[in-house]
């Protein structure tokens, strides 16, 4: 892997850069624990994907709990990955993160 970068602001979490990557980005959504799934993001990066272990609640300026998360927060993560050169962006999640990934996919045709 090439390295990790902490993101703060509209998109929060850890961006994991592979040594070299094509056009695939993966946004990894954690479950109800609130702990970003860095290990899973690192696995995707080891296989050549630019991966973002998204922190999607409980952070600075975010809703404190897992209820009423604006879908725009997830759309912003996809936009961020697109801005980094990812032509294709996948969302993957565990537990409540999987539920969020399905909901985002139902509302964002990208």
N, C-alpha and C. Protein backbone atom coordinates (compact mmCIF):
# COMPACT_ATOMS: atom_id res chain seq x y z
N UNK A 1 0.84 -1.19 0.00
CA UNK A 1 0.00 0.00 0.00
C UNK A 1 0.88 1.24 0.00
N UNK A 2 0.36 2.29 -0.60
CA UNK A 2 1.12 3.53 -0.70
C UNK A 2 0.95 4.40 0.54
N UNK A 3 -0.16 4.28 1.23
CA UNK A 3 -0.31 5.08 2.43
C UNK A 3 -1.75 5.32 2.82
N UNK A 4 -1.91 5.96 3.97
CA UNK A 4 -3.22 6.27 4.51
C UNK A 4 -3.31 7.76 4.82
N UNK A 5 -4.49 8.30 4.61
CA UNK A 5 -4.73 9.73 4.84
C UNK A 5 -6.02 9.89 5.62
N UNK A 6 -5.96 10.65 6.72
CA UNK A 6 -7.15 10.95 7.50
C UNK A 6 -7.91 12.08 6.84
N UNK A 7 -9.19 11.89 6.63
CA UNK A 7 -10.04 12.92 6.03
C UNK A 7 -10.92 13.53 7.12
N UNK A 8 -11.04 14.83 7.11
CA UNK A 8 -11.91 15.54 8.03
C UNK A 8 -12.70 16.56 7.22
N UNK A 9 -13.86 16.89 7.68
CA UNK A 9 -14.69 17.84 6.94
C UNK A 9 -15.96 17.16 6.48
N UNK A 10 -16.40 17.47 5.27
CA UNK A 10 -17.63 16.89 4.74
C UNK A 10 -17.54 15.38 4.67
N UNK A 11 -16.41 14.87 4.19
CA UNK A 11 -16.16 13.43 4.13
C UNK A 11 -15.12 13.11 5.20
N UNK A 12 -15.49 12.20 6.12
CA UNK A 12 -14.60 11.84 7.21
C UNK A 12 -14.25 10.36 7.14
N UNK A 13 -13.05 10.04 7.55
CA UNK A 13 -12.61 8.65 7.57
C UNK A 13 -11.16 8.54 7.19
N UNK A 14 -10.76 7.34 6.78
CA UNK A 14 -9.39 7.08 6.38
C UNK A 14 -9.36 6.62 4.93
N UNK A 15 -8.61 7.34 4.11
CA UNK A 15 -8.43 6.98 2.72
C UNK A 15 -7.18 6.11 2.63
N UNK A 16 -7.31 4.93 2.05
CA UNK A 16 -6.19 4.00 1.93
C UNK A 16 -5.82 3.91 0.46
N UNK A 17 -4.60 4.35 0.15
CA UNK A 17 -4.13 4.37 -1.24
C UNK A 17 -3.29 3.12 -1.51
N UNK A 18 -3.62 2.42 -2.60
CA UNK A 18 -2.80 1.29 -2.98
C UNK A 18 -1.52 1.77 -3.66
N UNK A 19 -0.58 0.86 -3.86
CA UNK A 19 0.67 1.22 -4.56
C UNK A 19 0.36 1.75 -5.94
N UNK A 20 -0.54 1.11 -6.63
CA UNK A 20 -1.03 1.60 -7.92
C UNK A 20 -2.47 1.16 -8.04
N UNK A 21 -3.27 1.99 -8.68
CA UNK A 21 -4.68 1.61 -8.81
C UNK A 21 -5.21 2.04 -10.17
N UNK A 22 -6.24 1.34 -10.57
CA UNK A 22 -6.92 1.68 -11.82
C UNK A 22 -8.01 2.69 -11.54
N UNK A 23 -9.20 2.36 -11.93
CA UNK A 23 -10.29 3.31 -11.80
C UNK A 23 -11.31 2.93 -10.74
N UNK A 24 -11.00 1.93 -9.90
CA UNK A 24 -11.96 1.47 -8.90
C UNK A 24 -11.72 2.11 -7.54
N UNK A 25 -12.81 2.62 -6.97
CA UNK A 25 -12.81 3.12 -5.61
C UNK A 25 -13.83 2.34 -4.80
N UNK A 26 -13.54 2.08 -3.54
CA UNK A 26 -14.45 1.36 -2.67
C UNK A 26 -14.68 2.19 -1.41
N UNK A 27 -15.95 2.46 -1.12
CA UNK A 27 -16.32 3.14 0.12
C UNK A 27 -16.80 2.05 1.07
N UNK A 28 -16.10 1.91 2.19
CA UNK A 28 -16.39 0.86 3.17
C UNK A 28 -17.17 1.49 4.32
N UNK A 29 -18.38 0.96 4.53
CA UNK A 29 -19.27 1.49 5.57
C UNK A 29 -19.28 0.56 6.78
N UNK A 30 -18.97 1.12 7.94
CA UNK A 30 -18.95 0.33 9.18
C UNK A 30 -20.37 0.09 9.67
N UNK A 31 -20.47 -0.75 10.67
CA UNK A 31 -21.75 -1.05 11.28
C UNK A 31 -22.08 -0.10 12.42
N UNK A 32 -23.00 -0.52 13.27
CA UNK A 32 -23.52 0.34 14.33
C UNK A 32 -22.51 0.65 15.43
N UNK A 33 -21.36 -0.01 15.42
CA UNK A 33 -20.33 0.28 16.43
C UNK A 33 -19.80 1.70 16.28
N UNK A 34 -19.84 2.22 15.06
CA UNK A 34 -19.32 3.55 14.80
C UNK A 34 -17.83 3.59 14.52
N UNK A 35 -17.16 2.43 14.53
CA UNK A 35 -15.72 2.38 14.26
C UNK A 35 -15.49 2.14 12.77
N UNK A 36 -14.84 3.07 12.09
CA UNK A 36 -14.55 2.85 10.67
C UNK A 36 -13.82 1.53 10.45
N UNK A 37 -14.17 0.85 9.38
CA UNK A 37 -13.64 -0.49 9.09
C UNK A 37 -12.35 -0.38 8.29
N UNK A 38 -11.30 0.06 8.96
CA UNK A 38 -10.01 0.28 8.31
C UNK A 38 -9.41 -1.02 7.78
N UNK A 39 -9.55 -2.09 8.51
CA UNK A 39 -8.98 -3.37 8.06
C UNK A 39 -9.55 -3.80 6.72
N UNK A 40 -10.86 -3.67 6.55
CA UNK A 40 -11.48 -4.07 5.29
C UNK A 40 -11.01 -3.14 4.16
N UNK A 41 -10.89 -1.84 4.45
CA UNK A 41 -10.40 -0.89 3.44
C UNK A 41 -8.97 -1.25 3.03
N UNK A 42 -8.16 -1.65 3.98
CA UNK A 42 -6.77 -2.04 3.67
C UNK A 42 -6.73 -3.27 2.77
N UNK A 43 -7.65 -4.19 2.96
CA UNK A 43 -7.71 -5.38 2.10
C UNK A 43 -8.02 -4.97 0.66
N UNK A 44 -8.99 -4.08 0.48
CA UNK A 44 -9.31 -3.62 -0.87
C UNK A 44 -8.12 -2.90 -1.49
N UNK A 45 -7.42 -2.09 -0.70
CA UNK A 45 -6.25 -1.37 -1.22
C UNK A 45 -5.14 -2.35 -1.61
N UNK A 46 -4.96 -3.42 -0.86
CA UNK A 46 -3.95 -4.42 -1.20
C UNK A 46 -4.23 -5.06 -2.55
N UNK A 47 -5.51 -5.03 -2.95
CA UNK A 47 -5.91 -5.60 -4.23
C UNK A 47 -6.07 -4.54 -5.32
N UNK A 48 -5.56 -3.32 -5.05
CA UNK A 48 -5.49 -2.30 -6.09
C UNK A 48 -6.59 -1.27 -6.13
N UNK A 49 -7.52 -1.30 -5.20
CA UNK A 49 -8.60 -0.30 -5.19
C UNK A 49 -8.24 0.84 -4.24
N UNK A 50 -8.62 2.04 -4.62
CA UNK A 50 -8.54 3.17 -3.70
C UNK A 50 -9.71 2.99 -2.73
N UNK A 51 -9.45 2.91 -1.44
CA UNK A 51 -10.49 2.55 -0.48
C UNK A 51 -10.66 3.63 0.58
N UNK A 52 -11.90 3.87 0.94
CA UNK A 52 -12.24 4.85 1.97
C UNK A 52 -13.01 4.16 3.08
N UNK A 53 -12.41 4.11 4.27
CA UNK A 53 -13.11 3.62 5.46
C UNK A 53 -13.87 4.83 6.00
N UNK A 54 -15.12 4.95 5.58
CA UNK A 54 -15.92 6.13 5.88
C UNK A 54 -16.39 6.13 7.33
N UNK A 55 -16.25 7.28 7.98
CA UNK A 55 -16.82 7.50 9.31
C UNK A 55 -18.09 8.31 9.08
N UNK A 56 -19.24 7.68 9.24
CA UNK A 56 -20.48 8.31 8.79
C UNK A 56 -21.44 8.74 9.89
N UNK A 57 -21.09 8.57 11.15
CA UNK A 57 -21.86 9.18 12.24
C UNK A 57 -20.98 9.25 13.47
N UNK A 58 -21.30 10.19 14.35
CA UNK A 58 -20.55 10.33 15.59
C UNK A 58 -19.30 11.19 15.51
N UNK A 59 -18.98 11.68 14.34
CA UNK A 59 -17.81 12.53 14.16
C UNK A 59 -18.15 14.01 14.28
N UNK A 60 -17.16 14.84 14.12
CA UNK A 60 -17.35 16.28 14.23
C UNK A 60 -18.33 16.76 13.14
N UNK A 61 -19.41 17.41 13.57
CA UNK A 61 -20.40 17.94 12.65
C UNK A 61 -21.37 16.90 12.12
N UNK A 62 -21.25 15.67 12.58
CA UNK A 62 -22.14 14.60 12.13
C UNK A 62 -23.21 14.32 13.19
N UNK A 63 -24.28 13.63 12.77
CA UNK A 63 -25.27 13.23 13.76
C UNK A 63 -24.60 12.29 14.76
N UNK A 64 -24.99 12.36 16.04
CA UNK A 64 -24.29 11.59 17.06
C UNK A 64 -24.52 10.08 17.00
N UNK A 65 -25.69 9.67 16.54
CA UNK A 65 -26.01 8.24 16.51
C UNK A 65 -26.35 7.77 15.12
N UNK A 66 -26.80 6.54 15.05
CA UNK A 66 -27.00 5.90 13.76
C UNK A 66 -28.35 6.23 13.12
N UNK A 67 -29.14 7.06 13.73
CA UNK A 67 -30.45 7.42 13.18
C UNK A 67 -30.38 8.72 12.38
N UNK A 68 -31.21 8.78 11.34
CA UNK A 68 -31.40 9.99 10.54
C UNK A 68 -30.11 10.51 9.91
N UNK A 69 -29.35 9.62 9.30
CA UNK A 69 -28.14 10.00 8.58
C UNK A 69 -28.57 10.54 7.21
N UNK A 70 -28.17 11.75 6.86
CA UNK A 70 -28.52 12.27 5.53
C UNK A 70 -27.85 11.45 4.42
N UNK A 71 -28.63 11.05 3.42
CA UNK A 71 -28.06 10.29 2.30
C UNK A 71 -27.00 11.11 1.59
N UNK A 72 -27.11 12.42 1.65
CA UNK A 72 -26.13 13.30 1.02
C UNK A 72 -24.72 13.07 1.57
N UNK A 73 -24.60 12.59 2.80
CA UNK A 73 -23.28 12.28 3.36
C UNK A 73 -22.61 11.15 2.57
N UNK A 74 -23.40 10.17 2.17
CA UNK A 74 -22.87 9.06 1.38
C UNK A 74 -22.60 9.51 -0.05
N UNK A 75 -23.50 10.33 -0.60
CA UNK A 75 -23.29 10.86 -1.95
C UNK A 75 -21.99 11.66 -2.00
N UNK A 76 -21.70 12.40 -0.93
CA UNK A 76 -20.46 13.19 -0.87
C UNK A 76 -19.24 12.28 -0.89
N UNK A 77 -19.33 11.11 -0.25
CA UNK A 77 -18.21 10.16 -0.27
C UNK A 77 -17.99 9.63 -1.69
N UNK A 78 -19.07 9.33 -2.40
CA UNK A 78 -18.95 8.89 -3.79
C UNK A 78 -18.35 10.01 -4.63
N UNK A 79 -18.83 11.24 -4.45
CA UNK A 79 -18.29 12.39 -5.17
C UNK A 79 -16.78 12.54 -4.91
N UNK A 80 -16.38 12.35 -3.66
CA UNK A 80 -14.97 12.48 -3.28
C UNK A 80 -14.13 11.46 -4.04
N UNK A 81 -14.60 10.22 -4.08
CA UNK A 81 -13.86 9.17 -4.78
C UNK A 81 -13.80 9.47 -6.28
N UNK A 82 -14.90 9.95 -6.84
CA UNK A 82 -14.91 10.34 -8.26
C UNK A 82 -13.89 11.45 -8.50
N UNK A 83 -13.81 12.40 -7.58
CA UNK A 83 -12.87 13.50 -7.68
C UNK A 83 -11.41 13.06 -7.61
N UNK A 84 -11.18 11.89 -7.05
CA UNK A 84 -9.83 11.33 -6.96
C UNK A 84 -9.50 10.45 -8.17
N UNK A 85 -10.39 10.43 -9.15
CA UNK A 85 -10.13 9.71 -10.38
C UNK A 85 -10.76 8.33 -10.49
N UNK A 86 -11.64 8.00 -9.59
CA UNK A 86 -12.30 6.70 -9.65
C UNK A 86 -13.50 6.78 -10.60
N UNK A 87 -13.42 6.07 -11.70
CA UNK A 87 -14.54 6.03 -12.64
C UNK A 87 -15.66 5.13 -12.12
N UNK A 88 -15.26 4.11 -11.36
CA UNK A 88 -16.22 3.19 -10.75
C UNK A 88 -16.07 3.26 -9.24
N UNK A 89 -17.20 3.35 -8.54
CA UNK A 89 -17.17 3.40 -7.08
C UNK A 89 -18.17 2.38 -6.55
N UNK A 90 -17.68 1.51 -5.67
CA UNK A 90 -18.52 0.51 -5.03
C UNK A 90 -18.69 0.88 -3.56
N UNK A 91 -19.87 0.59 -3.03
CA UNK A 91 -20.11 0.74 -1.60
C UNK A 91 -20.27 -0.64 -1.02
N UNK A 92 -19.59 -0.88 0.09
CA UNK A 92 -19.71 -2.17 0.77
C UNK A 92 -19.84 -1.87 2.25
N UNK A 93 -20.65 -2.66 2.93
CA UNK A 93 -20.82 -2.43 4.35
C UNK A 93 -21.10 -3.70 5.10
N UNK A 94 -20.90 -3.63 6.38
CA UNK A 94 -21.22 -4.73 7.28
C UNK A 94 -22.33 -4.26 8.21
N UNK A 95 -23.27 -5.14 8.49
CA UNK A 95 -24.34 -4.85 9.42
C UNK A 95 -25.12 -3.62 8.96
N UNK A 96 -25.22 -2.60 9.78
CA UNK A 96 -25.96 -1.38 9.39
C UNK A 96 -25.32 -0.69 8.20
N UNK A 97 -24.02 -0.89 8.01
CA UNK A 97 -23.34 -0.34 6.84
C UNK A 97 -23.84 -0.97 5.55
N UNK A 98 -24.17 -2.27 5.60
CA UNK A 98 -24.73 -2.95 4.42
C UNK A 98 -26.10 -2.39 4.11
N UNK A 99 -26.88 -2.13 5.14
CA UNK A 99 -28.20 -1.53 4.96
C UNK A 99 -28.07 -0.14 4.34
N UNK A 100 -27.12 0.63 4.82
CA UNK A 100 -26.89 1.97 4.27
C UNK A 100 -26.44 1.90 2.81
N UNK A 101 -25.56 0.94 2.48
CA UNK A 101 -25.08 0.78 1.10
C UNK A 101 -26.24 0.48 0.16
N UNK A 102 -27.14 -0.39 0.57
CA UNK A 102 -28.30 -0.71 -0.26
C UNK A 102 -29.21 0.50 -0.44
N UNK A 103 -29.41 1.26 0.63
CA UNK A 103 -30.25 2.45 0.56
C UNK A 103 -29.64 3.49 -0.38
N UNK A 104 -28.35 3.70 -0.28
CA UNK A 104 -27.66 4.65 -1.16
C UNK A 104 -27.78 4.20 -2.61
N UNK A 105 -27.57 2.91 -2.86
CA UNK A 105 -27.66 2.38 -4.23
C UNK A 105 -29.06 2.57 -4.81
N UNK A 106 -30.06 2.49 -3.97
CA UNK A 106 -31.45 2.67 -4.43
C UNK A 106 -31.76 4.11 -4.80
N UNK A 107 -30.96 5.06 -4.26
CA UNK A 107 -31.23 6.48 -4.48
C UNK A 107 -30.19 7.20 -5.31
N UNK A 108 -29.10 6.52 -5.67
CA UNK A 108 -28.04 7.14 -6.46
C UNK A 108 -27.69 6.20 -7.61
N UNK A 109 -28.05 6.57 -8.81
CA UNK A 109 -27.88 5.68 -9.97
C UNK A 109 -26.42 5.46 -10.36
N UNK A 110 -25.51 6.22 -9.75
CA UNK A 110 -24.09 6.01 -10.10
C UNK A 110 -23.63 4.68 -9.61
